[in-house]
Structure formats: structure tokens, C-alpha cells
Amino acid sequence: MNGLRNGVPAATLDVRWVKSAKSSGAGQCVELAPLPEGRVAFRNSTDPAGPALVFEAGEFVAFLDGVKKNEFDHLCVS
């Protein structure tokens, strides 16, 4: 799995995908999966065989930090 890149078909990853407990049953969720070497894959639950975005551990930690600091709240449509 060392050569994983963004856009890898999510269906080719032998991983367990998880989503937030707050996700609705409508199937419109962001799902995440742990990868070797601390990397994390993201996919859209509406397209489980579609592309996955792969992030290094540091990138994922920085993203989570931004979420916790409400840096992306302006992107939410109410």
C-alpha cells in the first residue's frame, strides 16, 4: 500500500470504512478508513467504489485541528 495516491478506487482498498455517529441514514456521508503508516483515506458514501482521497497523518491531524477550531464552519450551508 506504499504507493497509494489520491483518486485510488475506494473499492480496491481492503479497509474498514467508518463514519460519524451523527451521520443520517440517507447515505450522504463522508467515510474514513485508517491506512498503513498513519495515513487516512476519505470517500463519499454515495459512491463507495469511487475515488478515495489519501492523506498523510500530519495532514489529517491539521485538518482535524481546523475542524475543532471551527475554521470550516463558513462552508456549512444552513
PDB file of N, CA and C in Angstrom:
ATOM      1  N   MET A   1       0.816  -1.205   0.000  1.00  0.00           N
ATOM      2  CA  MET A   1       0.000   0.000   0.000  1.00  0.00           C
ATOM      3  C   MET A   1       0.853   1.260   0.000  1.00  0.00           C
ATOM      4  N   ASN A   2       2.120   1.137  -0.110  1.00  0.00           N
ATOM      5  CA  ASN A   2       3.006   2.288  -0.042  1.00  0.00           C
ATOM      6  C   ASN A   2       2.764   3.292  -1.150  1.00  0.00           C
ATOM      7  N   GLY A   3       2.347   2.841  -2.328  1.00  0.00           N
ATOM      8  CA  GLY A   3       2.187   3.732  -3.461  1.00  0.00           C
ATOM      9  C   GLY A   3       0.796   4.325  -3.612  1.00  0.00           C
ATOM     10  N   LEU A   4      -0.027   4.307  -2.573  1.00  0.00           N
ATOM     11  CA  LEU A   4      -1.383   4.841  -2.679  1.00  0.00           C
ATOM     12  C   LEU A   4      -1.352   6.331  -2.972  1.00  0.00           C
ATOM     13  N   ARG A   5      -2.212   6.729  -3.881  1.00  0.00           N
ATOM     14  CA  ARG A   5      -2.298   8.138  -4.259  1.00  0.00           C
ATOM     15  C   ARG A   5      -3.750   8.578  -4.209  1.00  0.00           C
ATOM     16  N   ASN A   6      -3.960   9.877  -4.212  1.00  0.00           N
ATOM     17  CA  ASN A   6      -5.317  10.400  -4.273  1.00  0.00           C
ATOM     18  C   ASN A   6      -5.991   9.914  -5.541  1.00  0.00           C
ATOM     19  N   GLY A   7      -7.256   9.582  -5.417  1.00  0.00           N
ATOM     20  CA  GLY A   7      -8.019   9.108  -6.552  1.00  0.00           C
ATOM     21  C   GLY A   7      -8.009   7.601  -6.714  1.00  0.00           C
ATOM     22  N   VAL A   8      -7.333   6.889  -5.806  1.00  0.00           N
ATOM     23  CA  VAL A   8      -7.337   5.431  -5.868  1.00  0.00           C
ATOM     24  C   VAL A   8      -8.787   4.956  -5.728  1.00  0.00           C
ATOM     25  N   PRO A   9      -9.231   3.979  -6.497  1.00  0.00           N
ATOM     26  CA  PRO A   9     -10.598   3.480  -6.337  1.00  0.00           C
ATOM     27  C   PRO A   9     -10.815   2.937  -4.919  1.00  0.00           C
ATOM     28  N   ALA A  10     -11.772   3.503  -4.218  1.00  0.00           N
ATOM     29  CA  ALA A  10     -12.020   3.124  -2.829  1.00  0.00           C
ATOM     30  C   ALA A  10     -12.314   1.635  -2.689  1.00  0.00           C
ATOM     31  N   ALA A  11     -12.953   1.059  -3.691  1.00  0.00           N
ATOM     32  CA  ALA A  11     -13.314  -0.357  -3.629  1.00  0.00           C
ATOM     33  C   ALA A  11     -12.093  -1.271  -3.644  1.00  0.00           C
ATOM     34  N   THR A  12     -10.947  -0.761  -4.066  1.00  0.00           N
ATOM     35  CA  THR A  12      -9.742  -1.599  -4.109  1.00  0.00           C
ATOM     36  C   THR A  12      -9.003  -1.632  -2.774  1.00  0.00           C
ATOM     37  N   LEU A  13      -9.422  -0.803  -1.832  1.00  0.00           N
ATOM     38  CA  LEU A  13      -8.763  -0.759  -0.526  1.00  0.00           C
ATOM     39  C   LEU A  13      -9.380  -1.803   0.398  1.00  0.00           C
ATOM     40  N   ASP A  14      -8.570  -2.622   0.983  1.00  0.00           N
ATOM     41  CA  ASP A  14      -9.041  -3.645   1.920  1.00  0.00           C
ATOM     42  C   ASP A  14      -9.020  -3.042   3.322  1.00  0.00           C
ATOM     43  N   VAL A  15     -10.031  -2.191   3.593  1.00  0.00           N
ATOM     44  CA  VAL A  15     -10.091  -1.453   4.850  1.00  0.00           C
ATOM     45  C   VAL A  15     -11.507  -1.480   5.403  1.00  0.00           C
ATOM     46  N   ARG A  16     -11.640  -1.067   6.639  1.00  0.00           N
ATOM     47  CA  ARG A  16     -12.955  -0.933   7.265  1.00  0.00           C
ATOM     48  C   ARG A  16     -13.297   0.551   7.294  1.00  0.00           C
ATOM     49  N   TRP A  17     -14.309   0.942   6.556  1.00  0.00           N
ATOM     50  CA  TRP A  17     -14.730   2.338   6.490  1.00  0.00           C
ATOM     51  C   TRP A  17     -15.614   2.670   7.684  1.00  0.00           C
ATOM     52  N   VAL A  18     -15.454   3.863   8.241  1.00  0.00           N
ATOM     53  CA  VAL A  18     -16.268   4.316   9.372  1.00  0.00           C
ATOM     54  C   VAL A  18     -16.814   5.708   9.056  1.00  0.00           C
ATOM     55  N   LYS A  19     -17.911   6.047   9.716  1.00  0.00           N
ATOM     56  CA  LYS A  19     -18.489   7.382   9.568  1.00  0.00           C
ATOM     57  C   LYS A  19     -18.961   7.870  10.926  1.00  0.00           C
ATOM     58  N   SER A  20     -19.271   9.125  11.007  1.00  0.00           N
ATOM     59  CA  SER A  20     -19.709   9.729  12.255  1.00  0.00           C
ATOM     60  C   SER A  20     -21.023   9.117  12.728  1.00  0.00           C
ATOM     61  N   ALA A  21     -21.160   9.000  14.032  1.00  0.00           N
ATOM     62  CA  ALA A  21     -22.418   8.532  14.611  1.00  0.00           C
ATOM     63  C   ALA A  21     -23.538   9.534  14.331  1.00  0.00           C
ATOM     64  N   LYS A  22     -23.189  10.761  14.009  1.00  0.00           N
ATOM     65  CA  LYS A  22     -24.178  11.802  13.710  1.00  0.00           C
ATOM     66  C   LYS A  22     -24.671  11.724  12.268  1.00  0.00           C
ATOM     67  N   SER A  23     -24.089  10.871  11.457  1.00  0.00           N
ATOM     68  CA  SER A  23     -24.498  10.743  10.059  1.00  0.00           C
ATOM     69  C   SER A  23     -25.919  10.216   9.977  1.00  0.00           C
ATOM     70  N   SER A  24     -26.663  10.741   9.028  1.00  0.00           N
ATOM     71  CA  SER A  24     -28.038  10.281   8.850  1.00  0.00           C
ATOM     72  C   SER A  24     -28.043   8.970   8.076  1.00  0.00           C
ATOM     73  N   GLY A  25     -29.183   8.342   8.017  1.00  0.00           N
ATOM     74  CA  GLY A  25     -29.325   7.098   7.274  1.00  0.00           C
ATOM     75  C   GLY A  25     -29.530   7.324   5.789  1.00  0.00           C
ATOM     76  N   ALA A  26     -29.417   8.567   5.333  1.00  0.00           N
ATOM     77  CA  ALA A  26     -29.676   8.895   3.934  1.00  0.00           C
ATOM     78  C   ALA A  26     -28.528   8.506   3.015  1.00  0.00           C
ATOM     79  N   GLY A  27     -27.425   8.044   3.590  1.00  0.00           N
ATOM     80  CA  GLY A  27     -26.308   7.599   2.771  1.00  0.00           C
ATOM     81  C   GLY A  27     -25.498   8.716   2.151  1.00  0.00           C
ATOM     82  N   GLN A  28     -25.542   9.889   2.738  1.00  0.00           N
ATOM     83  CA  GLN A  28     -24.778  11.031   2.227  1.00  0.00           C
ATOM     84  C   GLN A  28     -23.728  11.414   3.260  1.00  0.00           C
ATOM     85  N   CYS A  29     -22.736  10.570   3.403  1.00  0.00           N
ATOM     86  CA  CYS A  29     -21.764  10.738   4.474  1.00  0.00           C
ATOM     87  C   CYS A  29     -20.340  10.715   3.937  1.00  0.00           C
ATOM     88  N   VAL A  30     -19.468  11.308   4.711  1.00  0.00           N
ATOM     89  CA  VAL A  30     -18.038  11.168   4.472  1.00  0.00           C
ATOM     90  C   VAL A  30     -17.590   9.985   5.313  1.00  0.00           C
ATOM     91  N   GLU A  31     -16.909   9.042   4.693  1.00  0.00           N
ATOM     92  CA  GLU A  31     -16.406   7.871   5.411  1.00  0.00           C
ATOM     93  C   GLU A  31     -14.886   7.911   5.418  1.00  0.00           C
ATOM     94  N   LEU A  32     -14.309   7.411   6.506  1.00  0.00           N
ATOM     95  CA  LEU A  32     -12.861   7.407   6.675  1.00  0.00           C
ATOM     96  C   LEU A  32     -12.377   6.001   6.950  1.00  0.00           C
ATOM     97  N   ALA A  33     -11.122   5.748   6.589  1.00  0.00           N
ATOM     98  CA  ALA A  33     -10.512   4.442   6.866  1.00  0.00           C
ATOM     99  C   ALA A  33      -9.034   4.645   7.184  1.00  0.00           C
ATOM    100  N   PRO A  34      -8.564   3.970   8.230  1.00  0.00           N
ATOM    101  CA  PRO A  34      -7.130   4.044   8.534  1.00  0.00           C
ATOM    102  C   PRO A  34      -6.335   3.229   7.523  1.00  0.00           C
ATOM    103  N   LEU A  35      -5.176   3.747   7.163  1.00  0.00           N
ATOM    104  CA  LEU A  35      -4.269   3.077   6.234  1.00  0.00           C
ATOM    105  C   LEU A  35      -2.919   2.878   6.917  1.00  0.00           C
ATOM    106  N   PRO A  36      -2.060   2.064   6.347  1.00  0.00           N
ATOM    107  CA  PRO A  36      -0.728   1.872   6.923  1.00  0.00           C
ATOM    108  C   PRO A  36       0.032   3.197   7.052  1.00  0.00           C
ATOM    109  N   GLU A  37       0.974   3.205   7.961  1.00  0.00           N
ATOM    110  CA  GLU A  37       1.856   4.353   8.187  1.00  0.00           C
ATOM    111  C   GLU A  37       1.106   5.592   8.640  1.00  0.00           C
ATOM    112  N   GLY A  38      -0.065   5.407   9.271  1.00  0.00           N
ATOM    113  CA  GLY A  38      -0.812   6.521   9.829  1.00  0.00           C
ATOM    114  C   GLY A  38      -1.635   7.322   8.844  1.00  0.00           C
ATOM    115  N   ARG A  39      -1.631   6.921   7.584  1.00  0.00           N
ATOM    116  CA  ARG A  39      -2.422   7.650   6.597  1.00  0.00           C
ATOM    117  C   ARG A  39      -3.905   7.368   6.791  1.00  0.00           C
ATOM    118  N   VAL A  40      -4.740   8.242   6.203  1.00  0.00           N
ATOM    119  CA  VAL A  40      -6.190   8.115   6.313  1.00  0.00           C
ATOM    120  C   VAL A  40      -6.794   8.321   4.930  1.00  0.00           C
ATOM    121  N   ALA A  41      -7.774   7.486   4.585  1.00  0.00           N
ATOM    122  CA  ALA A  41      -8.491   7.624   3.315  1.00  0.00           C
ATOM    123  C   ALA A  41      -9.884   8.173   3.588  1.00  0.00           C
ATOM    124  N   PHE A  42     -10.361   9.049   2.702  1.00  0.00           N
ATOM    125  CA  PHE A  42     -11.707   9.607   2.758  1.00  0.00           C
ATOM    126  C   PHE A  42     -12.443   9.144   1.506  1.00  0.00           C
ATOM    127  N   ARG A  43     -13.748   8.868   1.641  1.00  0.00           N
ATOM    128  CA  ARG A  43     -14.572   8.595   0.460  1.00  0.00           C
ATOM    129  C   ARG A  43     -15.978   9.123   0.695  1.00  0.00           C
ATOM    130  N   ASN A  44     -16.724   9.255  -0.375  1.00  0.00           N
ATOM    131  CA  ASN A  44     -18.111   9.682  -0.329  1.00  0.00           C
ATOM    132  C   ASN A  44     -18.975   8.427  -0.276  1.00  0.00           C
ATOM    133  N   SER A  45     -19.832   8.321   0.728  1.00  0.00           N
ATOM    134  CA  SER A  45     -20.638   7.102   0.873  1.00  0.00           C
ATOM    135  C   SER A  45     -21.620   6.909  -0.275  1.00  0.00           C
ATOM    136  N   THR A  46     -21.945   7.970  -1.005  1.00  0.00           N
ATOM    137  CA  THR A  46     -22.854   7.812  -2.143  1.00  0.00           C
ATOM    138  C   THR A  46     -22.163   7.180  -3.344  1.00  0.00           C
ATOM    139  N   ASP A  47     -20.842   7.077  -3.280  1.00  0.00           N
ATOM    140  CA  ASP A  47     -20.063   6.466  -4.365  1.00  0.00           C
ATOM    141  C   ASP A  47     -18.966   5.585  -3.758  1.00  0.00           C
ATOM    142  N   PRO A  48     -19.352   4.476  -3.094  1.00  0.00           N
ATOM    143  CA  PRO A  48     -18.376   3.666  -2.368  1.00  0.00           C
ATOM    144  C   PRO A  48     -17.281   3.049  -3.230  1.00  0.00           C
ATOM    145  N   ALA A  49     -17.510   2.921  -4.519  1.00  0.00           N
ATOM    146  CA  ALA A  49     -16.472   2.382  -5.402  1.00  0.00           C
ATOM    147  C   ALA A  49     -15.669   3.494  -6.064  1.00  0.00           C
ATOM    148  N   GLY A  50     -16.085   4.731  -5.832  1.00  0.00           N
ATOM    149  CA  GLY A  50     -15.429   5.879  -6.456  1.00  0.00           C
ATOM    150  C   GLY A  50     -14.069   6.173  -5.856  1.00  0.00           C
ATOM    151  N   PRO A  51     -13.528   7.337  -6.174  1.00  0.00           N
ATOM    152  CA  PRO A  51     -12.178   7.669  -5.725  1.00  0.00           C
ATOM    153  C   PRO A  51     -12.100   7.951  -4.231  1.00  0.00           C
ATOM    154  N   ALA A  52     -10.972   7.608  -3.657  1.00  0.00           N
ATOM    155  CA  ALA A  52     -10.685   7.928  -2.258  1.00  0.00           C
ATOM    156  C   ALA A  52      -9.563   8.954  -2.228  1.00  0.00           C
ATOM    157  N   LEU A  53      -9.660   9.883  -1.309  1.00  0.00           N
ATOM    158  CA  LEU A  53      -8.577  10.832  -1.078  1.00  0.00           C
ATOM    159  C   LEU A  53      -7.720  10.284   0.048  1.00  0.00           C
ATOM    160  N   VAL A  54      -6.420  10.286  -0.144  1.00  0.00           N
ATOM    161  CA  VAL A  54      -5.485   9.723   0.835  1.00  0.00           C
ATOM    162  C   VAL A  54      -4.652  10.855   1.419  1.00  0.00           C
ATOM    163  N   PHE A  55      -4.627  10.927   2.748  1.00  0.00           N
ATOM    164  CA  PHE A  55      -3.892  11.976   3.448  1.00  0.00           C
ATOM    165  C   PHE A  55      -2.851  11.378   4.375  1.00  0.00           C
ATOM    166  N   GLU A  56      -1.717  12.046   4.466  1.00  0.00           N
ATOM    167  CA  GLU A  56      -0.679  11.666   5.425  1.00  0.00           C
ATOM    168  C   GLU A  56      -1.179  11.984   6.827  1.00  0.00           C
ATOM    169  N   ALA A  57      -0.591  11.357   7.832  1.00  0.00           N
ATOM    170  CA  ALA A  57      -1.013  11.555   9.218  1.00  0.00           C
ATOM    171  C   ALA A  57      -0.997  13.032   9.604  1.00  0.00           C
ATOM    172  N   GLY A  58       0.063  13.744   9.268  1.00  0.00           N
ATOM    173  CA  GLY A  58       0.163  15.157   9.618  1.00  0.00           C
ATOM    174  C   GLY A  58      -0.901  16.012   8.960  1.00  0.00           C
ATOM    175  N   GLU A  59      -1.242  15.687   7.726  1.00  0.00           N
ATOM    176  CA  GLU A  59      -2.299  16.414   7.021  1.00  0.00           C
ATOM    177  C   GLU A  59      -3.640  16.185   7.701  1.00  0.00           C
ATOM    178  N   PHE A  60      -3.894  14.949   8.096  1.00  0.00           N
ATOM    179  CA  PHE A  60      -5.155  14.622   8.753  1.00  0.00           C
ATOM    180  C   PHE A  60      -5.249  15.313  10.110  1.00  0.00           C
ATOM    181  N   VAL A  61      -4.164  15.312  10.868  1.00  0.00           N
ATOM    182  CA  VAL A  61      -4.146  15.980  12.176  1.00  0.00           C
ATOM    183  C   VAL A  61      -4.409  17.477  12.002  1.00  0.00           C
ATOM    184  N   ALA A  62      -3.796  18.095  10.997  1.00  0.00           N
ATOM    185  CA  ALA A  62      -4.014  19.521  10.743  1.00  0.00           C
ATOM    186  C   ALA A  62      -5.471  19.792  10.369  1.00  0.00           C
ATOM    187  N   PHE A  63      -6.067  18.911   9.567  1.00  0.00           N
ATOM    188  CA  PHE A  63      -7.472  19.058   9.195  1.00  0.00           C
ATOM    189  C   PHE A  63      -8.363  18.968  10.430  1.00  0.00           C
ATOM    190  N   LEU A  64      -8.149  17.947  11.255  1.00  0.00           N
ATOM    191  CA  LEU A  64      -8.956  17.799  12.469  1.00  0.00           C
ATOM    192  C   LEU A  64      -8.809  19.005  13.384  1.00  0.00           C
ATOM    193  N   ASP A  65      -7.613  19.545  13.495  1.00  0.00           N
ATOM    194  CA  ASP A  65      -7.386  20.729  14.312  1.00  0.00           C
ATOM    195  C   ASP A  65      -8.220  21.898  13.786  1.00  0.00           C
ATOM    196  N   GLY A  66      -8.254  22.069  12.476  1.00  0.00           N
ATOM    197  CA  GLY A  66      -9.064  23.125  11.880  1.00  0.00           C
ATOM    198  C   GLY A  66     -10.549  22.931  12.129  1.00  0.00           C
ATOM    199  N   VAL A  67     -11.015  21.692  12.064  1.00  0.00           N
ATOM    200  CA  VAL A  67     -12.420  21.395  12.343  1.00  0.00           C
ATOM    201  C   VAL A  67     -12.743  21.753  13.789  1.00  0.00           C
ATOM    202  N   LYS A  68     -11.886  21.335  14.706  1.00  0.00           N
ATOM    203  CA  LYS A  68     -12.109  21.614  16.131  1.00  0.00           C
ATOM    204  C   LYS A  68     -12.105  23.107  16.436  1.00  0.00           C
ATOM    205  N   LYS A  69     -11.380  23.887  15.639  1.00  0.00           N
ATOM    206  CA  LYS A  69     -11.308  25.340  15.841  1.00  0.00           C
ATOM    207  C   LYS A  69     -12.356  26.089  15.004  1.00  0.00           C
ATOM    208  N   ASN A  70     -13.306  25.345  14.436  1.00  0.00           N
ATOM    209  CA  ASN A  70     -14.411  25.922  13.658  1.00  0.00           C
ATOM    210  C   ASN A  70     -13.950  26.691  12.418  1.00  0.00           C
ATOM    211  N   GLU A  71     -12.799  26.355  11.878  1.00  0.00           N
ATOM    212  CA  GLU A  71     -12.265  27.072  10.726  1.00  0.00           C
ATOM    213  C   GLU A  71     -13.025  26.796   9.428  1.00  0.00           C
ATOM    214  N   PHE A  72     -13.867  25.778   9.423  1.00  0.00           N
ATOM    215  CA  PHE A  72     -14.598  25.425   8.208  1.00  0.00           C
ATOM    216  C   PHE A  72     -16.098  25.664   8.336  1.00  0.00           C
ATOM    217  N   ASP A  73     -16.528  26.265   9.432  1.00  0.00           N
ATOM    218  CA  ASP A  73     -17.956  26.476   9.654  1.00  0.00           C
ATOM    219  C   ASP A  73     -18.606  27.297   8.543  1.00  0.00           C
ATOM    220  N   HIS A  74     -17.856  28.211   7.938  1.00  0.00           N
ATOM    221  CA  HIS A  74     -18.417  29.053   6.876  1.00  0.00           C
ATOM    222  C   HIS A  74     -18.772  28.248   5.622  1.00  0.00           C
ATOM    223  N   LEU A  75     -18.298  27.015   5.544  1.00  0.00           N
ATOM    224  CA  LEU A  75     -18.602  26.167   4.390  1.00  0.00           C
ATOM    225  C   LEU A  75     -19.933  25.434   4.541  1.00  0.00           C
ATOM    226  N   CYS A  76     -20.488  25.437   5.747  1.00  0.00           N
ATOM    227  CA  CYS A  76     -21.748  24.737   6.011  1.00  0.00           C
ATOM    228  C   CYS A  76     -22.915  25.576   5.522  1.00  0.00           C
ATOM    229  N   VAL A  77     -23.785  24.955   4.762  1.00  0.00           N
ATOM    230  CA  VAL A  77     -24.980  25.626   4.269  1.00  0.00           C
ATOM    231  C   VAL A  77     -26.107  25.301   5.228  1.00  0.00           C
ATOM    232  N   SER A  78     -26.793  26.337   5.683  1.00  0.00           N
ATOM    233  CA  SER A  78     -27.895  26.071   6.619  1.00  0.00           C
ATOM    234  C   SER A  78     -29.236  26.256   5.983  1.00  0.00           C
TER     235      SER A  78
END
